[in-house]
Structures are given as C-alpha cells and as structure tokens.
Amino acid sequence: MLGSCEEPLARAYDVALLDLDGVVYVGDAPVPEAASAIEAARAAGQRIAFITNNASRSPAKVAEKIRRIGVPADPAEVVTSAQAAARVLLERHGTGARIVTLGAAGLREALTAAGLEPVGVDDGDAVSLVTGYGPDVVWRDVMRAAVRVRDGLPWVASNTDGTIPTAFGIAPGHGVMVRMLSDFTDVSPVVAGKPERPLFDESIARTGARRPLMVGDRLDTDIEGATHAGIDSLLVMTGVTGLPDLVAAAPRLRPTYLAADLRGLLAPQSAPSVDGQGWVAGDWTATVADGRLTTAGTGDPSDWWRCVASAAWSALDDSGTVVDVSGVRPPEAAPATGTLPA
C-alpha cells in the first residue's frame, strides 16, 4: 500500500529520477505544472536526473528537447538506456571491445563514450550484439544479427518498449524487434532499460544519489523498475496510467507515493487511513461495496487518487477481483502553486 513522508519529497530525497514522456512532456508539449514543480524542487535542494528508455538520441539531444519546453536541463543530467547498455557491455567485455551495433546515433555515441567500438554485423571479432530503436536499421542487418545471436553471439537490448510515440501516431517500438529476434533465436537478451535494473543503477552511479526517488507515469516500466531496483517511487497521473490501470495494479506495480501531477514532489505524503466509511485521504473517502468503487468529498485531486488506489488495492488483495470503476470520474486538477510549503 501507499507510504507516508512527513516532509516534502523534494527535501526527503536527494535526487529525483524523472521519466520524460508523460511526466515532463507529452510529445512536444510540456506537462502542465511540470516546469514550475521542477524549479521549486531544485530550489529546495533536490537534484534532478532525466532518465529515458529511448536509446536513439544522445543526452545532448534529449536535454535540448527538455529546454525547448521551458525546463533547464544539462546533458549531464540525462541518463539513457543506451548509456546503461554501454555500461553492461563494458563490465562484461572491457574497454575496446568490438560490439555489433543495430540502432541510431544515440546508441553508437554511448558505446564510443564508454570506450567500446561499434562495428557492423559482419565483424568477425565482435564479442556481443547491442540493439536499440533506430528507424534507419535495415532488414538485412537484422537478419544477419539474428543468425549470429542464434549461433551464440551474446546480445544486449537497450529496452523492450512495445510502442513509441511519433508525429504520425503510436508506432512499434524496439520491443517489437526484440520479441521477433527472441522468437527466431530462442534467446532472451540482457535488457538495460526500465523496468530492468541497469538504467536505475547507471542513474544512481552518475548522480551519486544516496536516496533516489523514481518519478514516472507508467506502472510497468517506471514503477515496476523502481521495485526491481529497491528504491521508492512516485506515480504521477499525467501520462499513460488511467483509473482502470491503477485499480488493477498488482503489488509489484504499486508506487510508494501517488500524486495528480509533478507537484507531488513539493508536498508531504500521507497514506490514506481506514474508518467506518472506507478509505480516507484529506477530505475524500473511497468505498468498495459489492465490488463497486464509489467516492465522496471535495478537495485535493491527489488525495482522491490516493484513497481510490488504497480502497481498490485492498479490495483486490482480499477478493482477487478488480473493482468496478464504471461511472467514477477523477476530479479536476488543482490550481497552480509550484511552491513548497513553509
């Protein structure tokens, strides 16, 4: 169930590891309140790292996009799954290792920066394959790489995201190619990106975090990944997770904290309590009766999400059945503040 923190999260955790799409921006548009919340968290002394499963862009390119939506960002604050994959390969094969590389420029740059040598699929001295999203990867190279993996070449994948947002809509992500290669070769790669540990370990190593907090919008990458890494997490409801996803979350997918948006960094967190009427958070109450969720009250939308999640998860754990949320609607977002309490 949800945890409590008596002081604002921006003061309790030294580094916030922020997912990007759905937390800081959606496509090319800023998430409302994100920029002011990040500014206030930094002012409180919390350091920010931007972590992404996207292996196609370099940290400099990622930082440039973040700055375009009004959030100051330095390339050193960006950690990508390509960098995590490079760390895995470096630890396994050492400096100068020749790595067959299928992906975009961001993946090749990460390997080079780590002291590895990206090579083509026919290089006989290569000691491993690494793959990442790359729209210009050609089919003949995929075929040749598949044969080499089937014949024993070790394989590291930057991530397994099934989809990727594009200007023309949601498109197949790198995970689609990973599944195809796995089906053909009967080999599962070492995965560097969320929800696996390497990206979290790389982020902690690069930031020197003593008490990191993962902040994300996806249960199956951000939150599950934080669980794998043994760190606390904050789920914000500004991205892909909706009410039906939240109430159906298994324990490994449940965050430590929950907030309507990134302003959750700026406030203490109080776990909902149980009384005779149901689960209570702030001025909201959530009740489950005959498998159906109902809510009552007014006030902070974050409190609404917290009491709803607690009521739904308690019922799920007791009955094994996901509660019915038909007709239940979240409250409107709270007015902007972007400041920490005194």
Protein backbone atom coordinates (compact mmCIF):
# COMPACT_ATOMS: atom_id res chain seq x y z
CA MET A 1 0.00 0.00 0.00
CA LEU A 2 0.99 3.66 -0.18
CA GLY A 3 3.64 5.12 2.10
CA SER A 4 3.89 8.34 4.09
CA CYS A 5 6.56 11.02 4.23
CA GLU A 6 6.34 13.80 6.82
CA GLU A 7 8.34 16.31 4.79
CA PRO A 8 8.07 17.32 1.12
CA LEU A 9 9.56 14.68 -1.15
CA ALA A 10 11.90 17.30 -2.63
CA ARG A 11 13.53 17.58 0.79
CA ALA A 12 13.37 13.92 1.78
CA TYR A 13 15.05 12.54 -1.38
CA ASP A 14 18.33 13.94 -2.69
CA VAL A 15 17.75 13.05 -6.38
CA ALA A 16 14.51 12.75 -8.35
CA LEU A 17 14.85 10.40 -11.31
CA LEU A 18 12.27 11.79 -13.71
CA ASP A 19 10.83 9.84 -16.59
CA LEU A 20 10.20 12.16 -19.53
CA ASP A 21 7.18 11.44 -21.72
CA GLY A 22 4.09 11.73 -19.53
CA VAL A 23 5.97 13.35 -16.63
CA VAL A 24 7.88 16.32 -18.07
CA TYR A 25 6.37 16.50 -21.55
CA VAL A 26 3.85 14.73 -23.76
CA GLY A 27 5.19 14.64 -27.28
CA ASP A 28 6.43 18.18 -27.87
CA ALA A 29 4.18 19.84 -25.28
CA PRO A 30 5.07 20.47 -21.62
CA VAL A 31 3.06 18.67 -18.96
CA PRO A 32 1.13 21.34 -17.03
CA GLU A 33 2.83 22.34 -13.76
CA ALA A 34 5.95 20.26 -14.50
CA ALA A 35 8.35 23.14 -15.16
CA SER A 36 7.37 25.09 -12.03
CA ALA A 37 7.46 21.95 -9.89
CA ILE A 38 10.97 21.07 -11.10
CA GLU A 39 12.12 24.64 -10.43
CA ALA A 40 10.72 24.52 -6.89
CA ALA A 41 12.22 21.10 -6.20
CA ARG A 42 15.64 22.32 -7.32
CA ALA A 43 15.28 25.40 -5.15
CA ALA A 44 14.64 23.09 -2.19
CA GLY A 45 17.97 21.37 -2.85
CA GLN A 46 16.79 18.31 -4.74
CA ARG A 47 18.87 17.35 -7.77
CA ILE A 48 17.11 16.24 -10.94
CA ALA A 49 18.03 13.48 -13.38
CA PHE A 50 16.06 12.82 -16.54
CA ILE A 51 16.04 9.12 -17.38
CA THR A 52 14.71 7.63 -20.59
CA ASN A 53 14.39 4.26 -22.27
CA ASN A 54 14.84 5.98 -25.64
CA ALA A 55 18.25 4.86 -26.91
CA SER A 56 18.11 6.71 -30.22
CA ARG A 57 19.04 10.21 -29.02
CA SER A 58 22.15 11.43 -27.26
CA PRO A 59 21.92 13.14 -23.84
CA ALA A 60 22.64 16.46 -25.59
CA LYS A 61 19.65 15.99 -27.91
CA VAL A 62 17.40 14.96 -25.02
CA ALA A 63 18.49 17.97 -22.94
CA GLU A 64 17.81 20.26 -25.91
CA LYS A 65 14.23 18.98 -26.16
CA ILE A 66 13.69 19.44 -22.42
CA ARG A 67 14.93 23.03 -22.62
CA ARG A 68 12.54 23.74 -25.51
CA ILE A 69 9.55 23.12 -23.23
CA GLY A 70 10.89 25.56 -20.62
CA VAL A 71 12.80 23.30 -18.22
CA PRO A 72 16.54 23.96 -17.76
CA ALA A 73 18.47 20.77 -18.48
CA ASP A 74 22.12 19.89 -18.91
CA PRO A 75 23.25 16.80 -20.88
CA ALA A 76 24.97 15.57 -17.71
CA GLU A 77 21.53 15.34 -16.08
CA VAL A 78 20.24 12.94 -18.76
CA VAL A 79 20.68 9.18 -18.48
CA THR A 80 19.58 6.94 -21.37
CA SER A 81 19.11 3.21 -21.82
CA ALA A 82 21.92 3.41 -24.40
CA GLN A 83 24.33 4.51 -21.65
CA ALA A 84 23.07 1.73 -19.39
CA ALA A 85 23.58 -0.81 -22.19
CA ALA A 86 27.10 0.50 -22.76
CA ARG A 87 27.87 0.06 -19.04
CA VAL A 88 26.63 -3.55 -19.16
CA LEU A 89 28.82 -4.27 -22.18
CA LEU A 90 31.86 -2.53 -20.70
CA GLU A 91 31.61 -4.52 -17.47
CA ARG A 92 31.29 -7.78 -19.40
CA HIS A 93 33.82 -7.27 -22.16
CA GLY A 94 36.17 -4.45 -21.17
CA THR A 95 37.47 -1.32 -22.87
CA GLY A 96 37.94 -1.53 -26.61
CA ALA A 97 35.53 -4.43 -27.10
CA ARG A 98 34.02 -4.60 -30.57
CA ILE A 99 30.22 -4.54 -30.42
CA VAL A 100 27.85 -5.20 -33.32
CA THR A 101 25.50 -2.23 -33.10
CA LEU A 102 21.97 -2.06 -34.50
CA GLY A 103 20.37 1.26 -33.60
CA ALA A 104 20.53 5.01 -34.01
CA ALA A 105 23.24 7.58 -33.36
CA GLY A 106 22.49 7.80 -29.63
CA LEU A 107 23.38 4.15 -29.15
CA ARG A 108 26.62 4.38 -31.11
CA GLU A 109 27.63 7.56 -29.25
CA ALA A 110 27.03 5.89 -25.89
CA LEU A 111 29.24 2.95 -26.81
CA THR A 112 32.03 5.19 -28.04
CA ALA A 113 31.86 7.37 -24.92
CA ALA A 114 32.22 4.22 -22.78
CA GLY A 115 35.36 3.16 -24.65
CA LEU A 116 33.71 0.48 -26.78
CA GLU A 117 33.90 0.15 -30.57
CA PRO A 118 30.63 -0.09 -32.54
CA VAL A 119 31.05 -2.37 -35.57
CA GLY A 120 28.93 -3.82 -38.36
CA VAL A 121 27.10 -7.14 -38.37
CA ASP A 122 29.80 -8.98 -40.31
CA ASP A 123 32.69 -8.09 -37.99
CA GLY A 124 34.27 -11.40 -37.04
CA ASP A 125 35.98 -10.03 -33.93
CA ALA A 126 32.79 -8.70 -32.33
CA VAL A 127 32.11 -10.06 -28.84
CA SER A 128 28.47 -9.03 -28.50
CA LEU A 129 25.44 -7.52 -30.21
CA VAL A 130 23.58 -4.48 -28.88
CA THR A 131 20.25 -3.33 -30.27
CA GLY A 132 18.15 -0.21 -29.82
CA TYR A 133 15.42 1.71 -31.57
CA GLY A 134 16.65 3.01 -34.92
CA PRO A 135 14.31 3.93 -37.78
CA ASP A 136 17.09 3.51 -40.32
CA VAL A 137 18.17 0.00 -39.33
CA VAL A 138 17.92 -2.15 -42.45
CA TRP A 139 16.34 -5.57 -42.64
CA ARG A 140 19.42 -7.37 -44.00
CA ASP A 141 21.37 -6.30 -40.90
CA VAL A 142 18.58 -7.53 -38.64
CA MET A 143 18.64 -10.90 -40.42
CA ARG A 144 22.42 -11.23 -40.14
CA ALA A 145 22.38 -10.23 -36.47
CA ALA A 146 19.63 -12.77 -35.78
CA VAL A 147 21.72 -15.56 -37.27
CA ARG A 148 24.76 -14.53 -35.24
CA VAL A 149 22.75 -14.49 -32.00
CA ARG A 150 21.30 -17.91 -32.82
CA ASP A 151 24.86 -19.11 -33.34
CA GLY A 152 25.97 -17.87 -29.92
CA LEU A 153 26.79 -14.14 -30.05
CA PRO A 154 25.76 -12.52 -26.72
CA TRP A 155 23.00 -9.91 -27.01
CA VAL A 156 22.13 -6.79 -25.00
CA ALA A 157 18.94 -4.83 -25.76
CA SER A 158 18.59 -1.19 -24.75
CA ASN A 159 14.91 -1.64 -23.86
CA THR A 160 11.79 -3.63 -24.65
CA ASP A 161 9.20 -0.83 -25.08
CA GLY A 162 6.48 -2.14 -27.36
CA THR A 163 5.44 1.28 -28.63
CA ILE A 164 6.98 4.65 -29.34
CA PRO A 165 5.20 7.99 -29.86
CA THR A 166 5.78 9.59 -33.27
CA ALA A 167 4.47 12.57 -35.20
CA PHE A 168 2.15 10.22 -37.09
CA GLY A 169 0.86 8.33 -34.04
CA ILE A 170 1.85 5.49 -31.74
CA ALA A 171 4.20 3.19 -33.66
CA PRO A 172 6.02 -0.11 -32.97
CA GLY A 173 8.92 0.35 -30.57
CA HIS A 174 12.17 -1.52 -30.15
CA GLY A 175 10.42 -4.19 -28.10
CA VAL A 176 8.71 -5.44 -31.25
CA MET A 177 12.09 -6.22 -32.83
CA VAL A 178 13.32 -7.74 -29.57
CA ARG A 179 10.38 -10.15 -29.49
CA MET A 180 10.91 -11.06 -33.14
CA LEU A 181 14.60 -11.80 -32.63
CA SER A 182 13.87 -13.73 -29.45
CA ASP A 183 11.27 -15.85 -31.22
CA PHE A 184 13.71 -16.64 -34.04
CA THR A 185 16.79 -17.28 -31.90
CA ASP A 186 15.16 -18.69 -28.75
CA VAL A 187 17.43 -16.26 -26.88
CA SER A 188 16.35 -13.59 -24.40
CA PRO A 189 18.68 -10.58 -24.31
CA VAL A 190 20.07 -8.80 -21.29
CA VAL A 191 17.84 -5.71 -21.09
CA ALA A 192 19.33 -2.40 -19.96
CA GLY A 193 16.26 -0.15 -19.80
CA LYS A 194 13.31 0.09 -17.45
CA PRO A 195 11.93 -1.98 -15.80
CA GLU A 196 15.26 -3.80 -15.50
CA ARG A 197 17.96 -2.63 -13.09
CA PRO A 198 20.83 -1.39 -15.31
CA LEU A 199 19.26 2.01 -16.13
CA PHE A 200 18.49 2.63 -12.46
CA ASP A 201 21.98 1.56 -11.42
CA GLU A 202 23.51 3.79 -14.10
CA SER A 203 21.37 6.75 -12.99
CA ILE A 204 22.34 6.32 -9.35
CA ALA A 205 26.02 5.94 -10.24
CA ARG A 206 26.04 9.05 -12.44
CA THR A 207 24.20 11.22 -9.90
CA GLY A 208 25.79 9.86 -6.74
CA ALA A 209 22.29 9.61 -5.26
CA ARG A 210 22.09 8.47 -1.65
CA ARG A 211 18.30 8.40 -1.51
CA PRO A 212 16.85 8.48 -5.04
CA LEU A 213 13.16 8.73 -5.89
CA MET A 214 11.86 7.40 -9.20
CA VAL A 215 9.08 9.57 -10.65
CA GLY A 216 7.07 8.14 -13.52
CA ASP A 217 3.71 7.76 -15.21
CA ARG A 218 3.92 4.09 -16.25
CA LEU A 219 3.27 1.22 -13.88
CA ASP A 220 5.01 -1.45 -15.97
CA THR A 221 8.30 0.39 -16.55
CA ASP A 222 8.79 3.26 -14.09
CA ILE A 223 7.13 1.81 -11.01
CA GLU A 224 7.94 -1.87 -11.55
CA GLY A 225 11.51 -0.83 -12.36
CA ALA A 226 11.82 1.08 -9.09
CA THR A 227 10.55 -2.01 -7.29
CA HIS A 228 13.23 -4.12 -9.01
CA ALA A 229 15.89 -1.57 -8.08
CA GLY A 230 14.76 -1.36 -4.45
CA ILE A 231 14.05 2.38 -4.49
CA ASP A 232 10.97 4.44 -3.65
CA SER A 233 8.72 5.77 -6.38
CA LEU A 234 6.15 8.47 -7.09
CA LEU A 235 3.45 7.83 -9.69
CA VAL A 236 2.01 10.94 -11.36
CA MET A 237 -1.30 10.76 -13.20
CA THR A 238 -0.31 12.95 -16.16
CA GLY A 239 0.66 10.22 -18.61
CA VAL A 240 -0.48 6.80 -19.74
CA THR A 241 -1.78 5.37 -16.45
CA GLY A 242 -5.53 5.82 -16.07
CA LEU A 243 -8.02 4.82 -13.40
CA PRO A 244 -8.64 1.29 -14.76
CA ASP A 245 -4.89 0.60 -14.85
CA LEU A 246 -4.35 1.96 -11.35
CA VAL A 247 -7.06 -0.04 -9.60
CA ALA A 248 -5.87 -3.27 -11.27
CA ALA A 249 -2.20 -2.86 -10.23
CA ALA A 250 -0.55 -5.91 -8.69
CA PRO A 251 1.73 -5.28 -5.69
CA ARG A 252 4.92 -5.11 -7.80
CA LEU A 253 3.34 -2.28 -9.85
CA ARG A 254 2.27 -0.13 -6.90
CA PRO A 255 4.18 3.09 -6.17
CA THR A 256 5.39 4.28 -2.80
CA TYR A 257 3.62 7.61 -3.33
CA LEU A 258 0.91 8.89 -5.65
CA ALA A 259 0.06 12.40 -6.88
CA ALA A 260 -2.07 14.02 -9.55
CA ASP A 261 0.98 15.70 -11.10
CA LEU A 262 4.61 16.57 -10.51
CA ARG A 263 3.68 18.99 -7.73
CA GLY A 264 3.60 15.86 -5.59
CA LEU A 265 7.34 16.46 -5.14
CA LEU A 266 6.56 19.63 -3.24
CA ALA A 267 4.31 18.19 -0.55
CA PRO A 268 4.44 15.73 2.34
CA GLN A 269 2.73 12.42 1.61
CA SER A 270 0.16 10.91 3.94
CA ALA A 271 -1.04 7.36 3.37
CA PRO A 272 -4.84 7.04 3.45
CA SER A 273 -6.43 5.65 6.60
CA VAL A 274 -9.42 3.38 7.12
CA ASP A 275 -12.52 4.36 9.05
CA GLY A 276 -16.05 3.01 9.20
CA GLN A 277 -16.94 4.68 5.91
CA GLY A 278 -13.98 3.49 3.82
CA TRP A 279 -10.52 4.77 2.92
CA VAL A 280 -9.89 8.43 3.74
CA ALA A 281 -7.33 10.88 2.38
CA GLY A 282 -7.78 14.57 3.11
CA ASP A 283 -11.45 15.38 2.53
CA TRP A 284 -12.04 12.42 0.22
CA THR A 285 -13.44 8.98 1.04
CA ALA A 286 -13.39 5.91 -1.23
CA THR A 287 -15.55 2.88 -0.53
CA VAL A 288 -15.89 -0.52 -2.17
CA ALA A 289 -19.21 -2.30 -1.77
CA ASP A 290 -20.29 -5.36 -3.76
CA GLY A 291 -17.19 -4.95 -5.91
CA ARG A 292 -18.03 -1.39 -6.93
CA LEU A 293 -15.95 1.69 -6.10
CA THR A 294 -17.59 4.94 -5.05
CA THR A 295 -16.07 8.22 -3.85
CA ALA A 296 -17.33 11.20 -1.88
CA GLY A 297 -15.86 14.54 -0.84
CA THR A 298 -14.01 17.51 -2.26
CA GLY A 299 -10.50 18.86 -2.20
CA ASP A 300 -7.04 17.97 -3.46
CA PRO A 301 -7.15 15.64 -6.50
CA SER A 302 -4.01 13.90 -5.24
CA ASP A 303 -5.90 12.86 -2.10
CA TRP A 304 -8.67 11.49 -4.34
CA TRP A 305 -6.21 9.34 -6.27
CA ARG A 306 -4.61 8.09 -3.06
CA CYS A 307 -7.81 7.00 -1.34
CA VAL A 308 -9.14 5.43 -4.56
CA ALA A 309 -5.94 3.43 -5.04
CA SER A 310 -5.89 2.25 -1.43
CA ALA A 311 -9.53 1.18 -1.46
CA ALA A 312 -9.17 -0.61 -4.79
CA TRP A 313 -5.92 -2.40 -3.90
CA SER A 314 -7.27 -3.52 -0.54
CA ALA A 315 -10.33 -5.00 -2.25
CA LEU A 316 -8.18 -6.61 -4.96
CA ASP A 317 -5.88 -8.24 -2.40
CA ASP A 318 -8.83 -9.51 -0.36
CA SER A 319 -11.01 -10.80 -3.21
CA GLY A 320 -8.69 -11.28 -6.16
CA THR A 321 -11.11 -9.24 -8.27
CA VAL A 322 -10.54 -5.78 -9.75
CA VAL A 323 -13.16 -3.28 -8.57
CA ASP A 324 -15.73 -1.84 -10.94
CA VAL A 325 -14.97 1.84 -11.61
CA SER A 326 -17.59 2.47 -14.28
CA GLY A 327 -19.06 5.92 -13.80
CA VAL A 328 -16.24 7.06 -11.48
CA ARG A 329 -14.54 10.26 -12.66
CA PRO A 330 -11.40 11.89 -11.24
CA PRO A 331 -11.73 15.49 -10.01
CA GLU A 332 -10.33 18.44 -11.93
CA ALA A 333 -6.69 19.42 -11.39
CA ALA A 334 -5.97 21.76 -8.50
CA PRO A 335 -4.96 25.41 -9.15
CA ALA A 336 -1.27 26.01 -9.84
CA THR A 337 1.05 26.87 -6.97
CA GLY A 338 4.52 25.49 -7.83
CA THR A 339 5.91 26.27 -4.37
CA LEU A 340 6.94 24.31 -1.33
CA PRO A 341 5.08 24.78 1.95
CA ALA A 342 6.88 26.87 4.54
